[in-house]
């Protein structure tokens, strides 16, 4: 329990003239509450993001974004090349048909 809190509790005990048994019981209850709060904080502390976790997460997102951007660029290039090859194949086919018909 915090030192200032202990002083305040002691002041309340003196002011309202609690018996030693009552004061001991209340102190035990307050210590139990403090221990439980500390345990809950320790359990939930692992769920919190630290600054290091945030930086690591941002770095991973940026790397994934760059990787995704590169993949999209590669897909665009592939689509362009496939389209160009198909266009040239069609032109070649048309020229071959005209050449065959003119012979």
Protein backbone atom coordinates (compact mmCIF):
# COMPACT_ATOMS: atom_id res chain seq x y z
CA UNK A 1 0.00 0.00 0.00
CA UNK A 2 1.21 3.53 -0.73
CA UNK A 3 2.86 5.38 2.19
CA UNK A 4 0.53 8.39 1.99
CA UNK A 5 -2.46 6.07 1.91
CA UNK A 6 -1.19 4.31 5.03
CA UNK A 7 -0.85 7.66 6.78
CA UNK A 8 -4.40 8.60 5.83
CA UNK A 9 -5.73 5.25 7.05
CA UNK A 10 -3.81 5.61 10.31
CA UNK A 11 -5.23 9.11 10.73
CA UNK A 12 -8.76 7.75 10.22
CA UNK A 13 -8.10 5.02 12.80
CA UNK A 14 -6.91 7.57 15.35
CA UNK A 15 -9.63 10.13 14.59
CA UNK A 16 -12.51 7.69 14.88
CA UNK A 17 -10.90 5.66 17.68
CA UNK A 18 -11.00 2.23 16.03
CA UNK A 19 -9.99 -0.72 18.13
CA UNK A 20 -6.75 -2.50 17.27
CA UNK A 21 -8.72 -5.46 15.93
CA UNK A 22 -10.80 -3.25 13.61
CA UNK A 23 -7.71 -1.36 12.46
CA UNK A 24 -5.90 -4.64 11.74
CA UNK A 25 -8.87 -6.05 9.83
CA UNK A 26 -9.24 -2.91 7.71
CA UNK A 27 -5.49 -2.89 7.01
CA UNK A 28 -5.65 -6.51 5.89
CA UNK A 29 -8.60 -5.76 3.61
CA UNK A 30 -6.80 -2.78 2.09
CA UNK A 31 -3.63 -4.84 1.59
CA UNK A 32 -5.69 -7.60 -0.08
CA UNK A 33 -7.32 -5.05 -2.40
CA UNK A 34 -3.91 -3.61 -3.23
CA UNK A 35 -2.49 -7.09 -3.97
CA UNK A 36 -5.42 -7.96 -6.23
CA UNK A 37 -5.10 -4.71 -8.14
CA UNK A 38 -1.39 -5.34 -8.59
CA UNK A 39 -2.07 -8.89 -9.85
CA UNK A 40 -4.70 -7.68 -12.31
CA UNK A 41 -2.33 -5.02 -13.56
CA UNK A 42 0.45 -7.55 -14.08
CA UNK A 43 -1.90 -9.85 -16.01
CA UNK A 44 -3.26 -7.07 -18.22
CA UNK A 45 0.13 -5.39 -18.68
CA UNK A 46 1.08 -7.94 -21.32
CA UNK A 47 -1.92 -6.85 -23.39
CA UNK A 48 -0.69 -3.25 -23.59
CA UNK A 49 1.38 -2.07 -26.54
CA UNK A 50 4.74 -0.63 -25.66
CA UNK A 51 6.52 1.97 -27.77
CA UNK A 52 8.83 -0.79 -29.04
CA UNK A 53 5.81 -2.88 -30.07
CA UNK A 54 4.30 0.10 -31.90
CA UNK A 55 7.54 0.80 -33.80
CA UNK A 56 7.88 -2.88 -34.72
CA UNK A 57 4.27 -3.01 -35.88
CA UNK A 58 4.67 0.13 -38.00
CA UNK A 59 7.85 -1.27 -39.57
CA UNK A 60 6.11 -4.55 -40.42
CA UNK A 61 3.17 -2.67 -41.96
CA UNK A 62 5.51 -0.51 -44.05
CA UNK A 63 7.41 -3.57 -45.28
CA UNK A 64 4.15 -5.30 -46.15
CA UNK A 65 2.97 -2.16 -47.96
CA UNK A 66 6.18 -1.99 -50.00
CA UNK A 67 5.96 -5.70 -50.79
CA UNK A 68 2.33 -5.37 -51.83
CA UNK A 69 3.15 -2.34 -53.98
CA UNK A 70 5.92 -4.30 -55.71
CA UNK A 71 3.59 -7.23 -56.34
CA UNK A 72 0.92 -4.93 -57.80
CA UNK A 73 3.52 -3.35 -60.08
CA UNK A 74 4.63 -6.80 -61.23
CA UNK A 75 1.02 -7.81 -61.92
CA UNK A 76 0.48 -4.63 -63.97
CA UNK A 77 3.62 -5.38 -65.98
CA UNK A 78 2.51 -8.96 -66.54
CA UNK A 79 -0.95 -7.86 -67.68
CA UNK A 80 0.60 -5.33 -70.07
CA UNK A 81 2.99 -7.92 -71.52
CA UNK A 82 0.22 -10.52 -71.93
CA UNK A 83 -1.99 -7.92 -73.63
CA UNK A 84 0.84 -6.88 -75.93
CA UNK A 85 1.61 -10.49 -76.85
CA UNK A 86 -2.06 -11.15 -77.58
CA UNK A 87 -2.26 -8.00 -79.72
CA UNK A 88 0.85 -8.99 -81.67
CA UNK A 89 -0.54 -12.53 -82.09
CA UNK A 90 -3.77 -11.14 -83.49
CA UNK A 91 -1.89 -8.80 -85.87
CA UNK A 92 0.33 -11.71 -86.95
CA UNK A 93 -2.70 -13.91 -87.53
CA UNK A 94 -4.45 -11.23 -89.60
CA UNK A 95 -1.27 -10.65 -91.67
CA UNK A 96 -0.88 -14.40 -92.17
CA UNK A 97 -4.49 -14.68 -93.36
CA UNK A 98 -4.01 -11.75 -95.80
CA UNK A 99 -0.74 -13.24 -97.02
CA UNK A 100 -2.40 -16.62 -97.58
CA UNK A 101 -5.33 -15.03 -99.42
CA UNK A 102 -3.10 -12.95 -101.68
CA UNK A 103 -1.01 -15.92 -102.87
